[in-house]
Protein backbone atom coordinates (compact mmCIF):
# COMPACT_ATOMS: atom_id res chain seq x y z
CA MET A 1 -8.48 38.10 1.10
CA ASN A 2 -9.06 34.59 -0.26
CA ARG A 3 -12.35 32.76 0.05
CA PHE A 4 -10.82 29.83 1.93
CA TYR A 5 -9.69 32.13 4.74
CA LEU A 6 -13.13 33.79 4.93
CA LYS A 7 -14.84 30.41 5.15
CA ILE A 8 -12.51 29.18 7.87
CA ALA A 9 -12.84 32.46 9.79
CA ALA A 10 -16.66 32.34 9.58
CA ILE A 11 -16.81 28.70 10.72
CA PHE A 12 -14.37 29.35 13.55
CA SER A 13 -16.32 32.43 14.68
CA VAL A 14 -19.62 30.53 14.73
CA ILE A 15 -18.02 27.70 16.70
CA LEU A 16 -16.58 30.14 19.23
CA ILE A 17 -19.90 31.97 19.66
CA VAL A 18 -21.81 28.71 20.16
CA PHE A 19 -19.12 27.53 22.54
CA GLY A 20 -19.26 30.83 24.44
CA ILE A 21 -23.04 30.63 24.82
CA ALA A 22 -22.75 27.05 26.03
CA VAL A 23 -20.05 28.02 28.53
CA ALA A 24 -22.17 30.93 29.78
CA LEU A 25 -25.19 28.69 30.29
CA ILE A 26 -23.17 25.97 31.95
CA THR A 27 -21.36 28.47 34.18
CA THR A 28 -24.61 30.12 35.23
CA LYS A 29 -26.20 26.75 35.94
CA ALA A 30 -23.17 25.57 37.88
CA SER A 31 -23.10 28.79 39.92
CA SER A 32 -26.79 28.41 40.67
CA ASP A 33 -26.27 24.80 41.77
CA VAL A 34 -23.42 25.83 44.07
CA VAL A 35 -25.54 28.58 45.65
CA GLN A 36 -28.48 26.22 46.07
CA GLU A 37 -26.34 23.55 47.67
CA ALA A 38 -24.74 26.08 50.02
CA ILE A 39 -28.13 27.52 51.08
CA GLN A 40 -29.68 24.10 51.58
CA THR A 41 -26.69 22.71 53.47
CA THR A 42 -26.61 25.75 55.77
CA ASN A 43 -30.35 25.63 56.55
CA LYS A 44 -31.10 21.92 56.37
CA ASP A 45 -31.89 21.76 60.12
CA LEU A 46 -34.26 24.76 60.03
CA ALA A 47 -37.50 22.82 59.45
CA PRO A 48 -36.78 20.09 62.07
CA LEU A 49 -36.11 22.77 64.71
CA LEU A 50 -39.27 24.71 63.85
CA ALA A 51 -41.33 21.52 63.81
CA LYS A 52 -40.45 20.89 67.45
CA GLU A 53 -41.53 24.43 68.33
CA PHE A 54 -44.82 24.30 66.37
CA GLN A 55 -45.84 20.79 67.30
CA PRO A 56 -47.53 21.79 70.66
CA MET A 57 -49.72 24.27 68.76
CA LEU A 58 -51.06 21.55 66.46
CA ILE A 59 -51.98 18.74 68.86
CA ASP A 60 -55.62 19.52 69.74
CA GLU A 61 -56.51 22.29 67.36
CA PHE A 62 -55.14 24.10 64.32
CA ASP A 63 -54.54 27.58 65.73
CA GLN A 64 -54.06 29.40 62.45
CA GLN A 65 -53.65 32.78 64.13
CA LYS A 66 -50.90 31.69 66.54
CA ILE A 67 -49.07 29.73 63.87
CA GLU A 68 -49.17 32.61 61.41
CA GLN A 69 -48.10 35.01 64.15
CA LYS A 70 -45.12 32.82 64.98
CA LEU A 71 -44.23 32.25 61.33
CA THR A 72 -44.61 35.93 60.55
CA GLU A 73 -42.18 36.68 63.33
CA LEU A 74 -39.70 34.19 61.85
CA SER A 75 -40.33 35.43 58.34
CA GLY A 76 -39.60 38.95 59.42
CA LYS A 77 -36.22 37.86 60.65
CA ASN A 78 -35.61 35.79 57.50
CA PRO A 79 -37.52 37.40 54.61
CA GLN A 80 -35.88 35.09 52.09
CA PHE A 81 -37.80 32.09 53.48
CA ASP A 82 -41.40 31.05 52.75
CA PHE A 83 -43.09 28.77 55.31
CA TYR A 84 -45.81 26.23 54.50
CA LEU A 85 -47.76 23.59 56.40
CA LEU A 86 -48.73 20.64 54.19
CA ASN A 87 -50.96 17.68 54.93
CA TYR A 88 -49.75 14.14 54.23
CA GLU A 89 -50.89 14.43 50.59
CA GLY A 90 -48.88 17.60 50.04
CA LYS A 91 -51.81 20.07 50.04
CA VAL A 92 -51.06 23.53 51.42
CA LYS A 93 -52.84 24.21 54.75
CA SER A 94 -51.04 27.40 55.78
CA VAL A 95 -48.60 29.88 54.28
CA ILE A 96 -46.57 32.74 55.76
CA PRO A 97 -46.23 35.72 55.24
CA ALA A 98 -49.90 36.27 55.97
CA SER A 99 -50.17 38.87 53.22
CA ARG A 100 -50.47 36.01 50.80
CA GLU A 101 -54.03 34.78 50.70
CA LEU A 102 -54.44 31.11 51.53
CA VAL A 103 -57.32 30.83 49.09
CA VAL A 104 -54.86 31.31 46.26
CA LEU A 105 -52.92 28.24 47.40
CA GLU A 106 -55.66 26.09 48.89
CA ASN A 107 -55.77 23.82 45.84
CA SER A 108 -51.99 23.67 45.48
CA MET A 109 -50.58 20.17 45.57
CA ILE A 110 -46.87 19.68 46.21
CA ASP A 111 -45.01 16.55 45.13
CA THR A 112 -43.81 15.12 48.44
CA ARG A 113 -41.21 12.73 47.03
CA PRO A 114 -38.39 15.33 47.16
CA LEU A 115 -39.45 16.14 50.74
CA ASP A 116 -39.25 12.47 51.74
CA ALA A 117 -35.81 12.23 50.10
CA PHE A 118 -34.64 15.25 52.10
CA ILE A 119 -35.99 13.85 55.37
CA GLN A 120 -34.27 10.51 54.60
CA GLY A 121 -30.93 12.34 54.27
CA LYS A 122 -30.32 11.94 50.52
CA ALA A 123 -27.45 13.83 48.88
CA LEU A 124 -27.93 17.58 48.44
CA PRO A 125 -28.98 19.69 46.66
CA ILE A 126 -32.58 18.50 46.40
CA VAL A 127 -35.20 20.79 44.88
CA ALA A 128 -38.97 20.73 45.09
CA GLN A 129 -41.92 22.72 43.78
CA ASP A 130 -42.53 26.29 44.89
CA PRO A 131 -46.25 26.51 45.82
CA LEU A 132 -46.32 30.04 44.40
CA ASN A 133 -44.67 28.90 41.14
CA PRO A 134 -45.34 25.15 40.72
CA ASP A 135 -43.31 25.04 37.49
CA LYS A 136 -40.14 26.11 39.32
CA ARG A 137 -37.94 23.97 41.56
CA LYS A 138 -36.24 25.50 44.61
CA THR A 139 -34.16 24.37 47.57
CA PHE A 140 -35.95 23.77 50.85
CA SER A 141 -35.87 22.38 54.36
CA ALA A 142 -38.57 19.96 55.47
CA ALA A 143 -39.64 17.96 58.51
CA ASN A 144 -42.52 15.67 59.40
CA ILE A 145 -45.10 17.11 61.76
CA SER A 146 -48.42 15.93 63.20
CA ILE A 147 -51.45 18.20 62.64
CA MET A 148 -54.42 17.44 64.97
CA GLY A 149 -53.58 13.75 65.12
CA SER A 150 -52.95 13.47 61.39
CA GLU A 151 -49.52 11.91 60.97
CA GLY A 152 -47.17 12.35 58.03
CA CYS A 153 -47.80 16.05 57.53
CA TYR A 154 -44.97 18.41 56.61
CA LEU A 155 -43.44 21.68 57.68
CA TYR A 156 -42.09 22.92 54.32
CA VAL A 157 -39.65 25.84 54.27
CA VAL A 158 -38.77 27.20 50.81
CA LEU A 159 -35.27 28.60 51.28
CA GLU A 160 -35.38 30.61 48.04
CA GLY A 161 -38.61 32.38 48.78
CA ASP A 162 -40.39 34.95 46.67
CA GLN A 163 -38.46 37.87 48.19
CA PHE A 164 -35.17 36.01 47.81
CA THR A 165 -35.91 35.22 44.16
CA LYS A 166 -36.66 38.86 43.36
CA ALA A 167 -33.53 40.06 45.13
CA THR A 168 -31.23 37.51 43.49
CA ALA A 169 -32.77 38.21 40.09
CA MET A 170 -31.88 41.89 40.44
CA VAL A 171 -28.34 41.06 41.57
CA SER A 172 -27.98 38.51 38.82
CA GLU A 173 -29.09 40.93 36.15
CA SER A 174 -26.94 43.73 37.47
CA TYR A 175 -23.70 41.91 38.30
CA ILE A 176 -23.35 38.18 37.72
CA THR A 177 -24.75 38.18 34.20
CA ARG A 178 -22.78 41.20 33.09
CA GLY A 179 -19.59 39.91 34.73
CA THR A 180 -19.97 36.49 33.16
CA LEU A 181 -20.69 37.96 29.75
CA TRP A 182 -17.71 40.30 30.02
CA VAL A 183 -15.33 37.47 30.94
CA ILE A 184 -16.67 35.19 28.22
CA GLY A 185 -16.61 38.02 25.70
CA ILE A 186 -12.97 38.83 26.47
CA VAL A 187 -11.98 35.15 26.25
CA LEU A 188 -13.86 34.77 22.97
CA ALA A 189 -12.26 37.90 21.52
CA ILE A 190 -8.75 36.73 22.44
CA SER A 191 -9.45 33.23 21.11
CA LEU A 192 -10.94 34.62 17.90
CA ALA A 193 -7.98 36.94 17.30
CA THR A 194 -5.48 34.15 17.97
CA GLY A 195 -7.37 31.70 15.76
CA LEU A 196 -7.69 34.17 12.89
CA PHE A 197 -3.98 34.93 13.09
CA LEU A 198 -3.10 31.23 12.92
CA PHE A 199 -5.58 30.63 10.09
CA SER A 200 -4.12 33.62 8.27
CA SER A 201 -0.67 32.03 8.46
CA ILE A 202 -2.00 28.75 7.07
CA SER A 203 -3.99 30.60 4.42
CA ARG A 204 -0.90 32.49 3.25
CA ARG A 205 0.97 29.22 2.81
CA LEU A 206 -1.95 27.74 0.88
CA ASP A 207 -2.11 30.87 -1.26
CA LYS A 208 1.60 30.51 -2.11
CA MET A 209 1.04 26.86 -2.98
CA LYS A 210 -1.92 27.76 -5.21
CA THR A 211 0.14 30.44 -6.99
CA THR A 212 2.96 27.98 -7.66
CA VAL A 213 0.56 25.32 -8.96
CA LYS A 214 -1.11 27.89 -11.25
CA LYS A 215 2.29 28.91 -12.65
CA PHE A 216 3.16 25.26 -13.22
CA GLU A 217 -0.18 24.79 -14.96
CA ARG A 218 0.60 27.72 -17.29
CA GLY A 219 3.83 26.04 -18.38
CA GLN A 220 6.42 27.42 -15.95
CA LEU A 221 7.75 23.93 -15.30
CA THR A 222 10.64 25.06 -13.10
CA GLU A 223 8.29 26.41 -10.40
CA ARG A 224 8.41 24.52 -7.09
CA ILE A 225 6.76 25.07 -3.71
CA GLU A 226 9.03 26.25 -0.90
CA THR A 227 9.07 23.75 1.95
CA GLU A 228 9.15 24.92 5.56
CA GLY A 229 8.42 23.13 8.81
CA SER A 230 7.35 19.51 9.12
CA ASP A 231 3.55 19.54 9.03
CA GLU A 232 0.97 18.19 6.57
CA LEU A 233 1.24 21.25 4.31
CA THR A 234 4.98 20.65 4.02
CA ASP A 235 4.30 17.01 3.13
CA LEU A 236 1.84 18.20 0.48
CA ALA A 237 4.44 20.62 -0.92
CA VAL A 238 7.07 17.87 -1.05
CA CYS A 239 4.62 15.54 -2.83
CA PHE A 240 3.80 18.24 -5.40
CA ASN A 241 7.48 18.96 -6.02
CA ARG A 242 8.17 15.26 -6.55
CA MET A 243 5.17 14.96 -8.84
CA ALA A 244 6.33 18.00 -10.82
CA ASP A 245 9.83 16.53 -11.17
CA THR A 246 8.33 13.25 -12.37
CA LEU A 247 6.11 15.04 -14.88
CA VAL A 248 9.02 17.06 -16.23
CA ASP A 249 11.15 13.91 -16.51
CA ASN A 250 8.30 12.10 -18.27
CA MET A 251 7.85 15.00 -20.67
CA LYS A 252 11.55 14.95 -21.47
CA GLU A 253 11.35 11.19 -21.98
CA ILE A 254 8.35 11.63 -24.28
CA GLU A 255 10.21 14.30 -26.24
CA LYS A 256 13.21 12.00 -26.47
CA SER A 257 11.02 9.10 -27.61
CA ASP A 258 9.33 11.31 -30.18
CA ARG A 259 12.71 12.48 -31.47
CA MET A 260 13.92 8.90 -31.64
CA ARG A 261 10.72 7.90 -33.46
CA ARG A 262 11.28 10.57 -36.08
CA GLU A 263 14.91 9.53 -36.42
CA LEU A 264 13.84 5.90 -36.66
CA ILE A 265 11.40 6.67 -39.47
CA ALA A 266 14.02 8.72 -41.31
CA ASN A 267 16.72 6.07 -40.89
CA VAL A 268 14.42 3.19 -41.78
CA SER A 269 13.28 5.06 -44.88
CA HIS A 270 16.90 5.62 -45.89
CA ASP A 271 18.01 2.05 -45.18
CA LEU A 272 15.01 0.57 -46.98
CA ARG A 273 15.30 2.91 -49.94
CA SER A 274 18.87 1.92 -50.88
CA PRO A 275 18.36 -1.87 -51.26
CA LEU A 276 14.91 -1.39 -52.77
CA ALA A 277 16.27 1.05 -55.33
CA SER A 278 19.06 -1.41 -56.15
CA ILE A 279 16.61 -4.30 -56.47
CA GLN A 280 14.31 -2.22 -58.67
CA GLY A 281 17.21 -1.09 -60.89
CA TYR A 282 18.56 -4.59 -61.45
CA LEU A 283 15.10 -6.05 -62.09
CA GLU A 284 14.34 -3.29 -64.61
CA THR A 285 17.69 -3.99 -66.32
CA ILE A 286 16.94 -7.71 -66.46
CA ASP A 287 13.50 -6.98 -67.90
CA MET A 288 14.82 -4.60 -70.59
CA LYS A 289 17.78 -6.78 -71.61
CA ARG A 290 16.25 -10.21 -71.17
CA GLU A 291 16.85 -11.06 -74.85
CA SER A 292 20.49 -9.95 -74.97
CA LEU A 293 21.61 -10.57 -71.35
CA SER A 294 24.25 -13.28 -70.98
CA ARG A 295 23.88 -16.03 -68.40
CA ASP A 296 26.83 -14.71 -66.42
CA ASP A 297 25.39 -11.20 -66.27
CA LEU A 298 21.95 -12.55 -65.36
CA HIS A 299 23.48 -14.64 -62.59
CA SER A 300 25.42 -11.61 -61.31
CA TYR A 301 22.33 -9.40 -61.33
CA LEU A 302 20.20 -11.99 -59.56
CA LYS A 303 22.94 -12.53 -56.97
CA THR A 304 22.96 -8.80 -56.28
CA VAL A 305 19.16 -8.75 -55.97
CA LEU A 306 19.33 -11.71 -53.57
CA GLY A 307 21.95 -9.93 -51.46
CA ASN A 308 19.79 -6.84 -51.20
CA THR A 309 16.72 -8.88 -50.22
CA GLN A 310 18.81 -10.60 -47.52
CA LYS A 311 19.93 -7.20 -46.30
CA LEU A 312 16.29 -6.06 -46.14
CA ASN A 313 15.37 -9.21 -44.26
CA ARG A 314 18.14 -8.62 -41.69
CA LEU A 315 17.08 -4.99 -41.28
CA ILE A 316 13.44 -5.94 -40.69
CA ASP A 317 14.46 -8.66 -38.22
CA ASP A 318 16.65 -6.18 -36.34
CA LEU A 319 13.83 -3.63 -36.22
CA PHE A 320 11.40 -6.17 -34.80
CA GLU A 321 13.99 -7.32 -32.27
CA LEU A 322 14.80 -3.78 -31.13
CA THR A 323 11.11 -2.86 -30.89
CA LYS A 324 10.43 -5.84 -28.63
CA LEU A 325 13.40 -4.95 -26.45
CA ASP A 326 12.33 -1.29 -26.21
CA THR A 327 8.76 -2.19 -25.20
CA GLU A 328 9.95 -4.90 -22.76
CA GLN A 329 7.90 -7.54 -24.57
CA VAL A 330 10.77 -10.02 -24.38
CA ARG A 331 10.48 -12.76 -21.76
CA LEU A 332 13.80 -14.28 -20.86
CA SER A 333 14.12 -18.03 -20.41
CA ILE A 334 16.82 -17.95 -17.74
CA GLU A 335 19.03 -20.99 -17.12
CA PRO A 336 22.62 -21.59 -15.98
CA ILE A 337 24.91 -21.76 -19.01
CA SER A 338 28.66 -22.10 -19.51
CA LEU A 339 30.01 -18.90 -21.01
CA PRO A 340 33.29 -20.46 -22.30
CA GLU A 341 31.38 -23.23 -24.08
CA LEU A 342 28.97 -20.73 -25.66
CA VAL A 343 31.83 -18.52 -26.87
CA GLN A 344 33.79 -21.51 -28.23
CA ASP A 345 30.74 -22.61 -30.23
CA LEU A 346 30.30 -19.13 -31.68
CA VAL A 347 34.00 -18.86 -32.56
CA GLN A 348 33.78 -22.17 -34.42
CA GLN A 349 30.65 -20.92 -36.17
CA PHE A 350 32.43 -17.79 -37.46
CA LYS A 351 35.72 -19.56 -38.23
CA PRO A 352 34.92 -20.24 -41.93
CA LEU A 353 33.87 -16.62 -42.51
CA ALA A 354 37.06 -15.33 -40.87
CA ASP A 355 39.24 -17.73 -42.86
CA ASN A 356 37.62 -16.64 -46.13
CA LYS A 357 38.51 -13.02 -45.32
CA GLY A 358 42.04 -13.91 -44.26
CA ILE A 359 41.39 -12.98 -40.61
CA ARG A 360 42.65 -14.94 -37.61
CA LEU A 361 39.81 -15.61 -35.15
CA GLU A 362 40.78 -17.00 -31.74
CA ALA A 363 39.28 -17.61 -28.31
CA VAL A 364 41.46 -17.08 -25.24
CA PHE A 365 40.35 -18.36 -21.83
CA PRO A 366 42.57 -18.59 -18.73
CA ASP A 367 42.86 -21.84 -16.86
CA TYR A 368 40.09 -21.58 -14.26
CA PRO A 369 36.96 -23.62 -13.47
CA ASN A 370 34.06 -23.40 -15.86
CA VAL A 371 32.21 -20.08 -15.52
CA LEU A 372 28.41 -20.32 -15.23
CA ILE A 373 26.10 -17.40 -15.80
CA GLU A 374 22.30 -17.14 -15.65
CA ALA A 375 21.05 -16.14 -19.07
CA ASP A 376 18.66 -16.74 -21.93
CA ILE A 377 20.99 -18.68 -24.22
CA SER A 378 19.31 -17.62 -27.48
CA MET A 379 19.32 -13.91 -26.53
CA LEU A 380 22.92 -13.98 -25.29
CA ASN A 381 23.92 -15.88 -28.44
CA ARG A 382 22.39 -13.09 -30.52
CA ALA A 383 24.25 -10.34 -28.62
CA ILE A 384 27.69 -12.00 -28.75
CA THR A 385 27.11 -12.95 -32.40
CA ASN A 386 26.52 -9.27 -33.22
CA LEU A 387 29.81 -8.31 -31.55
CA ILE A 388 31.90 -11.03 -33.26
CA ASP A 389 30.27 -10.34 -36.64
CA ASN A 390 30.88 -6.61 -36.16
CA ALA A 391 34.56 -7.25 -35.33
CA ILE A 392 35.12 -9.49 -38.37
CA THR A 393 33.30 -7.02 -40.62
CA HIS A 394 35.57 -4.14 -39.64
CA THR A 395 38.88 -6.02 -39.58
CA PRO A 396 40.96 -6.00 -42.77
CA GLU A 397 42.63 -9.05 -44.32
CA GLY A 398 45.54 -10.24 -42.21
CA GLY A 399 44.04 -8.84 -39.02
CA THR A 400 43.08 -10.63 -35.81
CA VAL A 401 39.85 -10.92 -33.82
CA THR A 402 40.24 -12.17 -30.25
CA VAL A 403 37.47 -13.29 -27.88
CA SER A 404 38.56 -13.64 -24.23
CA SER A 405 37.13 -13.66 -20.72
CA VAL A 406 38.48 -13.06 -17.21
CA MET A 407 36.97 -13.04 -13.73
CA ASN A 408 36.55 -9.70 -11.96
CA GLY A 409 35.18 -10.27 -8.48
CA GLU A 410 31.62 -11.57 -8.80
CA ASP A 411 31.48 -10.68 -12.51
CA VAL A 412 32.83 -12.33 -15.61
CA VAL A 413 34.35 -9.93 -18.16
CA LEU A 414 34.02 -10.82 -21.85
CA GLU A 415 36.18 -8.93 -24.36
CA ILE A 416 35.92 -8.94 -28.17
CA SER A 417 38.95 -7.20 -29.71
CA ASP A 418 39.89 -6.54 -33.32
CA THR A 419 42.83 -4.96 -35.12
CA GLY A 420 40.71 -2.93 -37.49
CA SER A 421 40.74 0.75 -38.31
CA GLY A 422 39.26 1.73 -34.95
CA ILE A 423 36.54 4.22 -34.12
CA PRO A 424 37.11 8.00 -33.96
CA GLU A 425 36.98 9.35 -30.41
CA THR A 426 34.13 11.72 -31.29
CA ASP A 427 31.99 8.74 -32.33
CA LEU A 428 32.55 6.59 -29.23
CA PRO A 429 29.74 8.18 -27.08
CA HIS A 430 27.20 7.40 -29.83
CA ILE A 431 28.37 3.98 -30.95
CA PHE A 432 25.47 2.18 -29.21
CA ASP A 433 22.79 4.52 -30.58
CA ARG A 434 20.44 2.92 -33.06
CA PHE A 435 21.19 3.58 -36.74
CA TYR A 436 24.48 5.24 -35.78
CA GLN A 437 27.36 4.44 -38.10
CA ALA A 438 30.73 5.74 -37.03
CA ASP A 439 32.28 6.56 -40.39
CA LYS A 440 32.05 5.97 -44.09
CA SER A 441 34.26 2.91 -44.04
CA ARG A 442 32.02 1.25 -41.44
CA SER A 443 28.79 2.22 -43.19
CA ASP A 444 30.04 0.74 -46.45
CA THR A 445 29.73 -2.71 -44.86
CA GLY A 446 25.98 -2.63 -45.34
CA GLY A 447 24.90 -2.61 -41.70
CA ALA A 448 21.95 -0.55 -40.57
CA GLY A 449 23.51 0.43 -37.26
CA LEU A 450 21.17 -1.65 -35.09
CA GLY A 451 23.42 -4.55 -34.01
CA LEU A 452 25.22 -2.75 -31.19
CA ALA A 453 21.98 -1.17 -29.91
CA ILE A 454 20.40 -4.63 -29.76
CA ALA A 455 23.46 -6.09 -28.00
CA ARG A 456 23.42 -3.38 -25.33
CA LYS A 457 19.69 -3.98 -24.67
CA ILE A 458 20.23 -7.73 -24.32
CA PHE A 459 23.17 -7.36 -21.91
CA ALA A 460 21.15 -4.87 -19.84
CA LEU A 461 18.29 -7.39 -19.57
CA HIS A 462 20.79 -9.85 -18.09
CA GLY A 463 22.01 -7.36 -15.49
CA GLY A 464 25.19 -6.62 -17.42
CA GLU A 465 26.72 -3.66 -19.19
CA ILE A 466 28.84 -3.08 -22.28
CA SER A 467 31.52 -0.47 -22.99
CA VAL A 468 33.90 0.26 -25.85
CA SER A 469 37.46 1.52 -26.19
CA SER A 470 39.22 2.21 -29.45
CA ILE A 471 42.42 3.61 -30.93
CA THR A 472 42.31 4.83 -34.50
CA ASN A 473 44.26 2.56 -36.91
CA GLU A 474 45.03 0.10 -34.08
CA GLY A 475 41.74 -1.54 -33.21
CA THR A 476 38.64 -1.66 -31.04
CA THR A 477 37.69 -3.60 -27.90
CA PHE A 478 34.14 -4.19 -26.66
CA THR A 479 34.01 -5.13 -22.96
CA VAL A 480 30.99 -6.87 -21.41
CA HIS A 481 30.44 -7.35 -17.65
CA LEU A 482 28.00 -10.13 -16.70
CA PRO A 483 27.09 -11.42 -13.20
CA THR A 484 28.03 -15.04 -12.53
CA HIS A 485 25.62 -17.77 -11.41
CA THR A 486 25.48 -18.20 -7.63
């Protein structure tokens, strides 16, 4: 049995016991109040009636014997009542039954304010001191009476007299108390059993949740908490499951990033090693043959060294660019630009290079109003430049590179097509991966395999996407979808 359940059960049991005791006390007090009110309401006229009967005996003299005889007679008929005559200050002058000695009570002083409230007809029940037990308050009946010319005296009848108190105490101990305790005990037992059953159900669910979390902590990452119902524990289970899914996804992403980092280091090392080795070899040759090397050979060697340094420079620039794109450190300077104008400028820029290679480079735009897109012109220039340069690089002499655009709903579609050797179908899913080079013929061009990865990142930052289609020995088409300016 888990500790949480024991704690909850102990707390619940203590609360029930305290509640039961409180209910017992309140019930007993309420029952007593009801009895007192019933007794006082039933006998409220007793003292006024007796006062009329006793008044003639108290006009000229205080006939203690006659009064006690009369009160004893009444007390015999009603043993639950105690009768007292009080002066105006509340001092006891006579008490019945006569077996009680007056000397015991002669110094007793009764607070007359409850008596005055009773005589004035205040709401019942009203309790006052019992001359025999001044610390206790009991119900009574009272009336004003004149004793030997002294006005404002009282006939005070304690309705819960000494005999009544003893009798009710016995009954209370033998029946009411036991009955009340039995009822409360049964109610508490049923409540406790019901509560413990419900807590046990909750505890079992918590125990299952704890077990699942422990398994997840130990590396069983597929563990999930079963969800049932629609309470707070279910919400907690759903939150844990979502958190676990997020953690697993993040771990996979971290593993992917780590794998890409290792691949990046390996690829960078390879791509740096080749031009550096070439530069080192040519420089060592120049150094060893500086006395016998002809000017033409020296010029050729230096040109090769310069080409390799330019290749290194492009590789480093591409690495910095891709790193900034990966870490989202690039801030776009968005503005409306004309896509046809941008493409025409780039085509004119690459025209000399294409002509030197014997390649026909053309831009084809249908006759429709100027297309505006929201973009960072320098970033978009870089991406489209990579695609055109890639197409020219992989198109043989006599081939054609075509740049065109069409509208497709709310998007503008830009296509860069070439009539090169194409890309094998097995390589198409990886063509946008960094450092990926589709085949030997494409890797011989000297690229590091970063241009297409950079282009895809840039188009994604502009809310666009790029795809590729290719047929071996026929050509390749890169298709870019970009949202238009609204």
